[in-house]
N, C-alpha and C. Protein backbone atom coordinates (compact mmCIF):
# COMPACT_ATOMS: atom_id res chain seq x y z
N MET A 1 -4.34 1.42 23.25
CA MET A 1 -5.46 2.07 22.60
C MET A 1 -4.93 2.91 21.44
N LEU A 2 -5.54 2.74 20.27
CA LEU A 2 -5.11 3.47 19.09
C LEU A 2 -5.71 4.87 19.06
N LYS A 3 -4.98 5.77 18.46
CA LYS A 3 -5.46 7.13 18.27
C LYS A 3 -6.45 7.14 17.11
N ILE A 4 -7.48 7.95 17.21
CA ILE A 4 -8.47 8.09 16.15
C ILE A 4 -8.34 9.48 15.55
N ILE A 5 -8.20 9.55 14.23
CA ILE A 5 -8.16 10.84 13.55
C ILE A 5 -9.22 10.84 12.44
N TYR A 6 -9.70 12.02 12.12
CA TYR A 6 -10.74 12.19 11.12
C TYR A 6 -10.18 12.93 9.92
N SER A 7 -10.49 12.45 8.73
CA SER A 7 -10.13 13.18 7.52
C SER A 7 -11.01 14.42 7.44
N PRO A 8 -10.58 15.44 6.68
CA PRO A 8 -11.45 16.61 6.50
C PRO A 8 -12.83 16.23 5.93
N ALA A 9 -12.86 15.27 5.02
CA ALA A 9 -14.14 14.84 4.45
C ALA A 9 -15.04 14.21 5.51
N ALA A 10 -14.47 13.43 6.42
CA ALA A 10 -15.26 12.81 7.49
C ALA A 10 -15.84 13.88 8.42
N LEU A 11 -15.07 14.91 8.71
CA LEU A 11 -15.58 16.01 9.55
C LEU A 11 -16.72 16.73 8.85
N GLU A 12 -16.60 16.93 7.54
CA GLU A 12 -17.69 17.54 6.77
C GLU A 12 -18.92 16.63 6.78
N ASP A 13 -18.69 15.33 6.68
CA ASP A 13 -19.81 14.38 6.72
C ASP A 13 -20.56 14.47 8.05
N LEU A 14 -19.83 14.57 9.16
CA LEU A 14 -20.47 14.70 10.47
C LEU A 14 -21.31 15.97 10.55
N GLN A 15 -20.79 17.05 10.01
CA GLN A 15 -21.53 18.32 10.00
C GLN A 15 -22.80 18.18 9.17
N TYR A 16 -22.69 17.54 8.03
CA TYR A 16 -23.85 17.34 7.16
C TYR A 16 -24.91 16.49 7.87
N ILE A 17 -24.48 15.41 8.51
CA ILE A 17 -25.41 14.54 9.24
C ILE A 17 -26.12 15.33 10.34
N ARG A 18 -25.34 16.11 11.09
CA ARG A 18 -25.92 16.92 12.17
C ARG A 18 -26.96 17.88 11.61
N ASP A 19 -26.60 18.60 10.56
CA ASP A 19 -27.52 19.59 9.98
C ASP A 19 -28.78 18.92 9.43
N TYR A 20 -28.60 17.80 8.76
CA TYR A 20 -29.73 17.08 8.17
C TYR A 20 -30.72 16.63 9.25
N ILE A 21 -30.21 15.99 10.30
CA ILE A 21 -31.08 15.50 11.37
C ILE A 21 -31.69 16.67 12.13
N LEU A 22 -30.91 17.71 12.35
CA LEU A 22 -31.41 18.89 13.04
C LEU A 22 -32.59 19.50 12.30
N ASP A 23 -32.49 19.61 10.97
CA ASP A 23 -33.57 20.19 10.16
C ASP A 23 -34.83 19.34 10.18
N LEU A 24 -34.66 18.03 10.17
CA LEU A 24 -35.83 17.14 10.11
C LEU A 24 -36.45 16.81 11.45
N TRP A 25 -35.61 16.55 12.46
CA TRP A 25 -36.13 16.03 13.71
C TRP A 25 -35.73 16.82 14.95
N GLY A 26 -34.95 17.85 14.80
CA GLY A 26 -34.62 18.70 15.94
C GLY A 26 -33.32 18.36 16.65
N GLY A 27 -32.99 19.20 17.61
CA GLY A 27 -31.71 19.14 18.31
C GLY A 27 -31.47 17.90 19.13
N LYS A 28 -32.48 17.46 19.89
CA LYS A 28 -32.29 16.28 20.74
C LYS A 28 -31.96 15.04 19.91
N THR A 29 -32.67 14.87 18.82
CA THR A 29 -32.44 13.71 17.96
C THR A 29 -31.07 13.80 17.30
N ALA A 30 -30.69 15.00 16.86
CA ALA A 30 -29.37 15.18 16.23
C ALA A 30 -28.25 14.87 17.21
N ILE A 31 -28.38 15.36 18.44
CA ILE A 31 -27.36 15.10 19.46
C ILE A 31 -27.28 13.61 19.77
N LYS A 32 -28.43 12.97 19.91
CA LYS A 32 -28.45 11.53 20.22
C LYS A 32 -27.79 10.72 19.09
N ALA A 33 -28.12 11.03 17.85
CA ALA A 33 -27.55 10.30 16.71
C ALA A 33 -26.04 10.51 16.62
N LEU A 34 -25.60 11.77 16.76
CA LEU A 34 -24.16 12.04 16.69
C LEU A 34 -23.41 11.39 17.84
N ASN A 35 -23.98 11.44 19.03
CA ASN A 35 -23.33 10.77 20.17
C ASN A 35 -23.19 9.27 19.92
N ASN A 36 -24.20 8.66 19.34
CA ASN A 36 -24.15 7.24 19.03
C ASN A 36 -23.05 6.94 18.00
N ILE A 37 -22.97 7.76 16.95
CA ILE A 37 -21.95 7.58 15.92
C ILE A 37 -20.56 7.75 16.53
N LEU A 38 -20.34 8.83 17.28
CA LEU A 38 -19.02 9.11 17.85
C LEU A 38 -18.62 8.07 18.91
N SER A 39 -19.59 7.60 19.68
CA SER A 39 -19.31 6.57 20.67
C SER A 39 -18.85 5.27 20.00
N SER A 40 -19.52 4.91 18.93
CA SER A 40 -19.14 3.71 18.19
C SER A 40 -17.77 3.86 17.56
N ILE A 41 -17.47 5.04 17.04
CA ILE A 41 -16.15 5.29 16.46
C ILE A 41 -15.07 5.20 17.53
N ARG A 42 -15.33 5.72 18.72
CA ARG A 42 -14.34 5.66 19.81
C ARG A 42 -13.99 4.22 20.15
N LYS A 43 -14.93 3.30 20.00
CA LYS A 43 -14.67 1.89 20.29
C LYS A 43 -13.59 1.32 19.37
N LEU A 44 -13.44 1.93 18.19
CA LEU A 44 -12.41 1.46 17.26
C LEU A 44 -11.00 1.66 17.82
N GLY A 45 -10.82 2.62 18.70
CA GLY A 45 -9.52 2.82 19.32
C GLY A 45 -9.07 1.61 20.11
N GLU A 46 -10.02 0.94 20.73
CA GLU A 46 -9.72 -0.26 21.52
C GLU A 46 -9.87 -1.55 20.71
N PHE A 47 -10.83 -1.54 19.79
CA PHE A 47 -11.11 -2.72 18.98
C PHE A 47 -11.08 -2.34 17.49
N PRO A 48 -9.90 -2.10 16.93
CA PRO A 48 -9.82 -1.60 15.55
C PRO A 48 -10.35 -2.56 14.49
N ALA A 49 -10.42 -3.84 14.78
CA ALA A 49 -10.95 -4.79 13.81
C ALA A 49 -12.45 -4.99 13.98
N LEU A 50 -13.09 -4.13 14.74
CA LEU A 50 -14.53 -4.24 14.98
C LEU A 50 -15.33 -4.16 13.69
N GLY A 51 -14.87 -3.33 12.76
CA GLY A 51 -15.57 -3.17 11.49
C GLY A 51 -15.34 -4.33 10.55
N ILE A 52 -16.06 -4.29 9.46
CA ILE A 52 -16.01 -5.35 8.45
C ILE A 52 -15.08 -4.93 7.32
N ASP A 53 -14.35 -5.88 6.79
CA ASP A 53 -13.47 -5.64 5.64
C ASP A 53 -14.34 -5.23 4.45
N LEU A 54 -14.10 -4.04 3.90
CA LEU A 54 -14.90 -3.53 2.78
C LEU A 54 -14.77 -4.43 1.56
N GLY A 55 -13.63 -5.09 1.40
CA GLY A 55 -13.43 -5.98 0.27
C GLY A 55 -14.49 -7.07 0.19
N LYS A 56 -15.05 -7.46 1.32
CA LYS A 56 -16.10 -8.48 1.33
C LYS A 56 -17.41 -7.95 0.73
N MET A 57 -17.62 -6.63 0.82
CA MET A 57 -18.84 -6.03 0.27
C MET A 57 -18.70 -5.79 -1.23
N ILE A 58 -17.52 -5.32 -1.64
CA ILE A 58 -17.35 -4.91 -3.05
C ILE A 58 -16.57 -5.94 -3.87
N ASP A 59 -16.11 -7.00 -3.25
CA ASP A 59 -15.37 -8.07 -3.93
C ASP A 59 -14.12 -7.56 -4.64
N VAL A 60 -13.46 -6.58 -4.01
CA VAL A 60 -12.20 -6.04 -4.51
C VAL A 60 -11.30 -5.87 -3.28
N PRO A 61 -10.05 -6.35 -3.34
CA PRO A 61 -9.16 -6.18 -2.19
C PRO A 61 -8.93 -4.70 -1.86
N THR A 62 -9.05 -4.36 -0.59
CA THR A 62 -8.85 -2.98 -0.13
C THR A 62 -8.45 -3.01 1.34
N ASP A 63 -7.81 -1.93 1.80
CA ASP A 63 -7.46 -1.84 3.21
C ASP A 63 -8.52 -1.09 4.03
N TYR A 64 -9.64 -0.75 3.40
CA TYR A 64 -10.73 -0.07 4.09
C TYR A 64 -11.56 -1.08 4.89
N ARG A 65 -12.07 -0.59 6.00
CA ARG A 65 -13.03 -1.33 6.81
C ARG A 65 -14.23 -0.41 7.02
N TYR A 66 -15.35 -0.96 7.48
CA TYR A 66 -16.50 -0.11 7.74
C TYR A 66 -17.32 -0.62 8.91
N LEU A 67 -18.00 0.35 9.53
CA LEU A 67 -19.02 0.08 10.55
C LEU A 67 -20.32 0.66 10.04
N TYR A 68 -21.43 0.03 10.38
CA TYR A 68 -22.74 0.55 10.03
C TYR A 68 -23.37 1.08 11.32
N ILE A 69 -23.58 2.41 11.36
CA ILE A 69 -24.09 3.06 12.57
C ILE A 69 -25.14 4.11 12.19
N GLU A 70 -26.29 4.06 12.83
CA GLU A 70 -27.32 5.08 12.65
C GLU A 70 -27.62 5.36 11.17
N LYS A 71 -27.77 4.32 10.38
CA LYS A 71 -28.08 4.42 8.95
C LYS A 71 -26.96 5.06 8.14
N ASN A 72 -25.74 4.99 8.66
CA ASN A 72 -24.57 5.53 7.99
C ASN A 72 -23.46 4.50 7.98
N TYR A 73 -22.66 4.54 6.94
CA TYR A 73 -21.46 3.72 6.87
C TYR A 73 -20.27 4.57 7.28
N VAL A 74 -19.51 4.10 8.25
CA VAL A 74 -18.28 4.76 8.69
C VAL A 74 -17.13 3.97 8.08
N PHE A 75 -16.43 4.59 7.12
CA PHE A 75 -15.31 3.94 6.45
C PHE A 75 -14.02 4.39 7.10
N TYR A 76 -13.13 3.44 7.37
CA TYR A 76 -11.87 3.78 8.03
C TYR A 76 -10.76 2.85 7.57
N ARG A 77 -9.53 3.27 7.88
CA ARG A 77 -8.34 2.46 7.61
C ARG A 77 -7.47 2.46 8.85
N LEU A 78 -6.70 1.40 9.00
CA LEU A 78 -5.71 1.33 10.07
C LEU A 78 -4.38 1.76 9.47
N GLU A 79 -3.78 2.79 10.07
CA GLU A 79 -2.50 3.31 9.60
C GLU A 79 -1.56 3.41 10.79
N ASN A 80 -0.55 2.54 10.82
CA ASN A 80 0.38 2.46 11.95
C ASN A 80 -0.41 2.26 13.23
N ASN A 81 -0.32 3.15 14.19
CA ASN A 81 -1.05 3.05 15.46
C ASN A 81 -2.24 3.99 15.48
N THR A 82 -2.88 4.14 14.33
CA THR A 82 -3.96 5.10 14.18
C THR A 82 -5.14 4.49 13.44
N VAL A 83 -6.34 4.86 13.86
CA VAL A 83 -7.56 4.56 13.11
C VAL A 83 -7.94 5.85 12.40
N LYS A 84 -7.87 5.83 11.08
CA LYS A 84 -8.20 7.04 10.31
C LYS A 84 -9.61 6.90 9.74
N ILE A 85 -10.49 7.78 10.20
CA ILE A 85 -11.87 7.80 9.73
C ILE A 85 -11.85 8.56 8.40
N ILE A 86 -12.20 7.87 7.32
CA ILE A 86 -12.12 8.44 5.98
C ILE A 86 -13.40 9.17 5.59
N ARG A 87 -14.54 8.50 5.72
CA ARG A 87 -15.83 9.09 5.36
C ARG A 87 -16.92 8.50 6.24
N ILE A 88 -18.01 9.25 6.38
CA ILE A 88 -19.21 8.79 7.08
C ILE A 88 -20.36 9.14 6.15
N ILE A 89 -20.93 8.14 5.49
CA ILE A 89 -21.86 8.37 4.38
C ILE A 89 -23.17 7.62 4.62
N SER A 90 -24.27 8.30 4.35
CA SER A 90 -25.60 7.73 4.54
C SER A 90 -25.82 6.51 3.64
N GLU A 91 -26.58 5.58 4.16
CA GLU A 91 -26.94 4.39 3.39
C GLU A 91 -27.76 4.75 2.16
N ARG A 92 -28.41 5.90 2.15
CA ARG A 92 -29.26 6.32 1.04
C ARG A 92 -28.47 6.93 -0.11
N GLN A 93 -27.20 7.20 0.12
CA GLN A 93 -26.36 7.79 -0.92
C GLN A 93 -25.54 6.71 -1.62
N ASP A 94 -24.92 7.09 -2.71
CA ASP A 94 -23.99 6.18 -3.40
C ASP A 94 -22.69 6.21 -2.61
N TYR A 95 -22.67 5.48 -1.51
CA TYR A 95 -21.53 5.55 -0.59
C TYR A 95 -20.25 5.00 -1.20
N ILE A 96 -20.32 3.99 -2.03
CA ILE A 96 -19.11 3.46 -2.67
C ILE A 96 -18.58 4.48 -3.69
N GLY A 97 -19.46 5.05 -4.47
CA GLY A 97 -19.05 6.08 -5.43
C GLY A 97 -18.42 7.27 -4.75
N GLN A 98 -19.01 7.71 -3.64
CA GLN A 98 -18.45 8.84 -2.90
C GLN A 98 -17.13 8.48 -2.24
N LEU A 99 -17.04 7.30 -1.68
CA LEU A 99 -15.82 6.88 -1.01
C LEU A 99 -14.64 6.86 -1.96
N PHE A 100 -14.86 6.33 -3.14
CA PHE A 100 -13.78 6.21 -4.12
C PHE A 100 -13.80 7.33 -5.16
N GLU A 101 -14.66 8.33 -4.92
CA GLU A 101 -14.77 9.51 -5.79
C GLU A 101 -15.01 9.11 -7.24
N ILE A 102 -15.99 8.23 -7.44
CA ILE A 102 -16.38 7.80 -8.77
C ILE A 102 -17.50 8.71 -9.24
N ASP A 103 -17.29 9.34 -10.38
CA ASP A 103 -18.29 10.23 -10.95
C ASP A 103 -19.28 9.41 -11.76
N SER A 104 -20.53 9.37 -11.32
CA SER A 104 -21.53 8.56 -12.00
C SER A 104 -21.80 9.05 -13.41
N GLU A 105 -21.60 10.33 -13.67
CA GLU A 105 -21.79 10.86 -15.03
C GLU A 105 -20.73 10.28 -15.96
N PHE A 106 -19.53 10.09 -15.47
CA PHE A 106 -18.46 9.48 -16.27
C PHE A 106 -18.85 8.05 -16.63
N ASP A 107 -19.40 7.34 -15.68
CA ASP A 107 -19.80 5.95 -15.91
C ASP A 107 -20.90 5.83 -16.95
N LYS A 108 -21.72 6.88 -17.09
CA LYS A 108 -22.82 6.87 -18.06
C LYS A 108 -22.33 7.21 -19.46
N GLY A 109 -21.09 7.60 -19.59
CA GLY A 109 -20.56 7.94 -20.92
C GLY A 109 -20.75 9.39 -21.29
N ASN A 110 -21.18 10.23 -20.36
CA ASN A 110 -21.37 11.67 -20.63
C ASN A 110 -20.09 12.44 -20.44
């Protein structure tokens, strides 16, 4: 079983998701959603190839993989005997831009 570690950004993402769901739908829903996300992430320790190769989505070779859970994309990489959770980003956000830290204002020429 591989060890699972979270980047600081992924931990902030989990906090944001919790706060967002808590504000809109309350504590029970927030706990249920987070438990579902964390349970799915734990499965990566046993089945690290469970996620999809991100390169298939963006048509660019990369070592990132992703899982789609509770309307969020969980991006991760395999590093030695570790699954490193990089980001957990809502489907409603520019998840590729956030993952690769692409500034959309730069892309617009501003």
